[in-house]
Amino acid sequence: MKIRPIKVDDLVEQYGFGFPYSVRGIAAEHEGRVVGVAGIMYCKPPQCFSKLDDEIRKFPRAIVEGMRKLRELLNEQSVPIYATPDEEESTANTFLEHVGFTETICEGVWIWRKQSPI
């Protein structure tokens, strides 16, 4: 499993389309195939995104490494980053909590604010 910077083609491979805004993020690659992506889409306000194939769940260390790199990227931002969990993914809220997002008063809207290093 390799964690590397994201490329536009990775988004097309995971989502079936590219994003209409600039992005920064990471991709998890296994045997030449992208099995997960995560990052920030620079719209207003900036949005965090992630999509993981079931295959990556066999590699918990890669997930932890990916979350660490995502946290670093999020902490580089000078403004809050928002996220909305995929309602069809039962672990989405847990994933957001593990990354460090907190739920806002608006149900289904999560926010990242710069955090102190651990």
C-alpha atoms as a PDB file:
ATOM      1  CA  MET A   1       0.000   0.000   0.000  1.00  0.00           C
ATOM      2  CA  LYS A   2       1.409   3.365  -1.017  1.00  0.00           C
ATOM      3  CA  ILE A   3       0.130   6.757   0.203  1.00  0.00           C
ATOM      4  CA  ARG A   4       1.019   9.527  -2.240  1.00  0.00           C
ATOM      5  CA  PRO A   5      -0.121  12.997  -3.362  1.00  0.00           C
ATOM      6  CA  ILE A   6      -3.375  12.984  -5.276  1.00  0.00           C
ATOM      7  CA  LYS A   7      -3.638  13.454  -9.055  1.00  0.00           C
ATOM      8  CA  VAL A   8      -6.707  14.549 -11.029  1.00  0.00           C
ATOM      9  CA  ASP A   9      -6.956  11.069 -12.571  1.00  0.00           C
ATOM     10  CA  ASP A  10      -7.332   9.597  -9.078  1.00  0.00           C
ATOM     11  CA  LEU A  11     -10.558  11.544  -8.542  1.00  0.00           C
ATOM     12  CA  VAL A  12     -11.928  10.329 -11.861  1.00  0.00           C
ATOM     13  CA  GLU A  13     -11.002   6.754 -10.938  1.00  0.00           C
ATOM     14  CA  GLN A  14     -12.738   6.980  -7.526  1.00  0.00           C
ATOM     15  CA  TYR A  15     -15.735   9.204  -8.288  1.00  0.00           C
ATOM     16  CA  GLY A  16     -16.171   8.812 -12.040  1.00  0.00           C
ATOM     17  CA  PHE A  17     -15.586  12.544 -12.605  1.00  0.00           C
ATOM     18  CA  GLY A  18     -13.139  15.320 -11.784  1.00  0.00           C
ATOM     19  CA  PHE A  19     -13.894  18.114  -9.343  1.00  0.00           C
ATOM     20  CA  PRO A  20     -14.783  21.626 -10.551  1.00  0.00           C
ATOM     21  CA  TYR A  21     -12.355  23.240  -8.064  1.00  0.00           C
ATOM     22  CA  SER A  22      -8.671  22.933  -7.201  1.00  0.00           C
ATOM     23  CA  VAL A  23      -7.831  20.128  -4.800  1.00  0.00           C
ATOM     24  CA  ARG A  24      -4.950  18.978  -2.598  1.00  0.00           C
ATOM     25  CA  GLY A  25      -4.891  15.607  -1.001  1.00  0.00           C
ATOM     26  CA  ILE A  26      -3.635  12.065  -0.879  1.00  0.00           C
ATOM     27  CA  ALA A  27      -4.345   8.818  -2.667  1.00  0.00           C
ATOM     28  CA  ALA A  28      -3.903   5.258  -1.439  1.00  0.00           C
ATOM     29  CA  GLU A  29      -2.612   3.005  -4.181  1.00  0.00           C
ATOM     30  CA  HIS A  30      -2.481  -0.793  -4.037  1.00  0.00           C
ATOM     31  CA  GLU A  31      -1.015  -2.895  -6.842  1.00  0.00           C
ATOM     32  CA  GLY A  32      -1.258   0.045  -9.250  1.00  0.00           C
ATOM     33  CA  ARG A  33      -4.911   0.808  -8.477  1.00  0.00           C
ATOM     34  CA  VAL A  34      -6.256   3.712  -6.428  1.00  0.00           C
ATOM     35  CA  VAL A  35      -8.279   2.339  -3.497  1.00  0.00           C
ATOM     36  CA  GLY A  36      -8.861   5.592  -1.613  1.00  0.00           C
ATOM     37  CA  VAL A  37      -8.609   9.359  -1.867  1.00  0.00           C
ATOM     38  CA  ALA A  38      -8.919  12.175   0.665  1.00  0.00           C
ATOM     39  CA  GLY A  39      -8.230  15.877   0.626  1.00  0.00           C
ATOM     40  CA  ILE A  40      -9.560  19.398   0.387  1.00  0.00           C
ATOM     41  CA  MET A  41     -11.587  20.919  -2.425  1.00  0.00           C
ATOM     42  CA  TYR A  42     -10.953  24.667  -2.483  1.00  0.00           C
ATOM     43  CA  CYS A  43     -14.476  25.978  -2.996  1.00  0.00           C
ATOM     44  CA  LYS A  44     -16.135  28.523  -0.685  1.00  0.00           C
ATOM     45  CA  PRO A  45     -16.105  27.332   2.026  1.00  0.00           C
ATOM     46  CA  PRO A  46     -13.386  24.691   1.558  1.00  0.00           C
ATOM     47  CA  GLN A  47     -14.677  21.119   1.754  1.00  0.00           C
ATOM     48  CA  CYS A  48     -12.941  17.950   2.878  1.00  0.00           C
ATOM     49  CA  PHE A  49     -13.631  14.840   0.810  1.00  0.00           C
ATOM     50  CA  SER A  50     -12.744  11.177   1.113  1.00  0.00           C
ATOM     51  CA  LYS A  51     -13.720   7.979  -0.596  1.00  0.00           C
ATOM     52  CA  LEU A  52     -12.342   4.586   0.380  1.00  0.00           C
ATOM     53  CA  ASP A  53     -12.861   1.261  -1.348  1.00  0.00           C
ATOM     54  CA  ASP A  54     -13.635  -1.767   0.814  1.00  0.00           C
ATOM     55  CA  GLU A  55     -10.225  -3.172  -0.181  1.00  0.00           C
ATOM     56  CA  ILE A  56      -8.358  -0.553   1.879  1.00  0.00           C
ATOM     57  CA  ARG A  57     -10.045  -1.748   5.072  1.00  0.00           C
ATOM     58  CA  LYS A  58      -7.637  -4.735   4.959  1.00  0.00           C
ATOM     59  CA  PHE A  59      -4.789  -2.265   5.572  1.00  0.00           C
ATOM     60  CA  PRO A  60      -5.506  -0.434   8.855  1.00  0.00           C
ATOM     61  CA  ARG A  61      -1.958   0.961   9.051  1.00  0.00           C
ATOM     62  CA  ALA A  62      -2.426   2.622   5.664  1.00  0.00           C
ATOM     63  CA  ILE A  63      -5.677   4.168   6.904  1.00  0.00           C
ATOM     64  CA  VAL A  64      -3.901   5.549   9.990  1.00  0.00           C
ATOM     65  CA  GLU A  65      -1.045   6.900   7.850  1.00  0.00           C
ATOM     66  CA  GLY A  66      -3.556   8.480   5.464  1.00  0.00           C
ATOM     67  CA  MET A  67      -5.446  10.122   8.359  1.00  0.00           C
ATOM     68  CA  ARG A  68      -2.183  11.535   9.708  1.00  0.00           C
ATOM     69  CA  LYS A  69      -1.284  13.032   6.320  1.00  0.00           C
ATOM     70  CA  LEU A  70      -4.818  14.404   5.943  1.00  0.00           C
ATOM     71  CA  ARG A  71      -4.588  16.040   9.398  1.00  0.00           C
ATOM     72  CA  GLU A  72      -1.295  17.668   8.381  1.00  0.00           C
ATOM     73  CA  LEU A  73      -2.902  19.057   5.231  1.00  0.00           C
ATOM     74  CA  LEU A  74      -5.938  20.295   7.168  1.00  0.00           C
ATOM     75  CA  ASN A  75      -3.725  21.972   9.768  1.00  0.00           C
ATOM     76  CA  GLU A  76      -1.923  23.924   7.021  1.00  0.00           C
ATOM     77  CA  GLN A  77      -5.165  25.755   6.233  1.00  0.00           C
ATOM     78  CA  SER A  78      -5.861  29.189   7.693  1.00  0.00           C
ATOM     79  CA  VAL A  79      -9.662  28.865   7.512  1.00  0.00           C
ATOM     80  CA  PRO A  80     -12.102  26.222   8.819  1.00  0.00           C
ATOM     81  CA  ILE A  81     -12.701  23.232   6.558  1.00  0.00           C
ATOM     82  CA  TYR A  82     -16.147  21.633   6.355  1.00  0.00           C
ATOM     83  CA  ALA A  83     -17.266  18.069   5.684  1.00  0.00           C
ATOM     84  CA  THR A  84     -20.550  16.260   5.267  1.00  0.00           C
ATOM     85  CA  PRO A  85     -20.550  12.490   5.813  1.00  0.00           C
ATOM     86  CA  ASP A  86     -21.859  10.096   3.187  1.00  0.00           C
ATOM     87  CA  GLU A  87     -25.216   8.977   4.576  1.00  0.00           C
ATOM     88  CA  GLU A  88     -24.808   5.575   2.889  1.00  0.00           C
ATOM     89  CA  GLU A  89     -21.481   4.924   4.647  1.00  0.00           C
ATOM     90  CA  SER A  90     -22.112   3.695   8.189  1.00  0.00           C
ATOM     91  CA  THR A  91     -18.588   4.556   9.399  1.00  0.00           C
ATOM     92  CA  ALA A  92     -18.438   8.097   7.971  1.00  0.00           C
ATOM     93  CA  ASN A  93     -19.126   9.921  11.242  1.00  0.00           C
ATOM     94  CA  THR A  94     -16.595   7.769  13.095  1.00  0.00           C
ATOM     95  CA  PHE A  95     -13.990   8.457  10.414  1.00  0.00           C
ATOM     96  CA  LEU A  96     -14.564  12.220  10.699  1.00  0.00           C
ATOM     97  CA  GLU A  97     -14.209  12.022  14.484  1.00  0.00           C
ATOM     98  CA  HIS A  98     -10.967  10.038  14.210  1.00  0.00           C
ATOM     99  CA  VAL A  99      -9.528  12.584  11.792  1.00  0.00           C
ATOM    100  CA  GLY A 100     -10.416  15.380  14.241  1.00  0.00           C
ATOM    101  CA  PHE A 101     -13.567  17.003  12.863  1.00  0.00           C
ATOM    102  CA  THR A 102     -16.322  18.096  15.238  1.00  0.00           C
ATOM    103  CA  GLU A 103     -20.015  18.165  14.421  1.00  0.00           C
ATOM    104  CA  THR A 104     -21.596  21.618  14.197  1.00  0.00           C
ATOM    105  CA  ILE A 105     -25.050  22.564  15.462  1.00  0.00           C
ATOM    106  CA  CYS A 106     -26.281  21.880  11.916  1.00  0.00           C
ATOM    107  CA  GLU A 107     -26.903  18.142  11.738  1.00  0.00           C
ATOM    108  CA  GLY A 108     -24.654  16.445   9.201  1.00  0.00           C
ATOM    109  CA  VAL A 109     -22.166  19.317   8.954  1.00  0.00           C
ATOM    110  CA  TRP A 110     -18.719  18.815  10.477  1.00  0.00           C
ATOM    111  CA  ILE A 111     -15.892  21.340  10.871  1.00  0.00           C
ATOM    112  CA  TRP A 112     -12.119  21.222  11.168  1.00  0.00           C
ATOM    113  CA  ARG A 113     -10.336  23.970  13.021  1.00  0.00           C
ATOM    114  CA  LYS A 114      -6.558  24.093  13.212  1.00  0.00           C
ATOM    115  CA  GLN A 115      -5.363  21.860  16.034  1.00  0.00           C
ATOM    116  CA  SER A 116      -2.286  21.763  18.207  1.00  0.00           C
ATOM    117  CA  PRO A 117       0.165  18.986  17.377  1.00  0.00           C
ATOM    118  CA  ILE A 118      -0.162  15.860  19.505  1.00  0.00           C
END
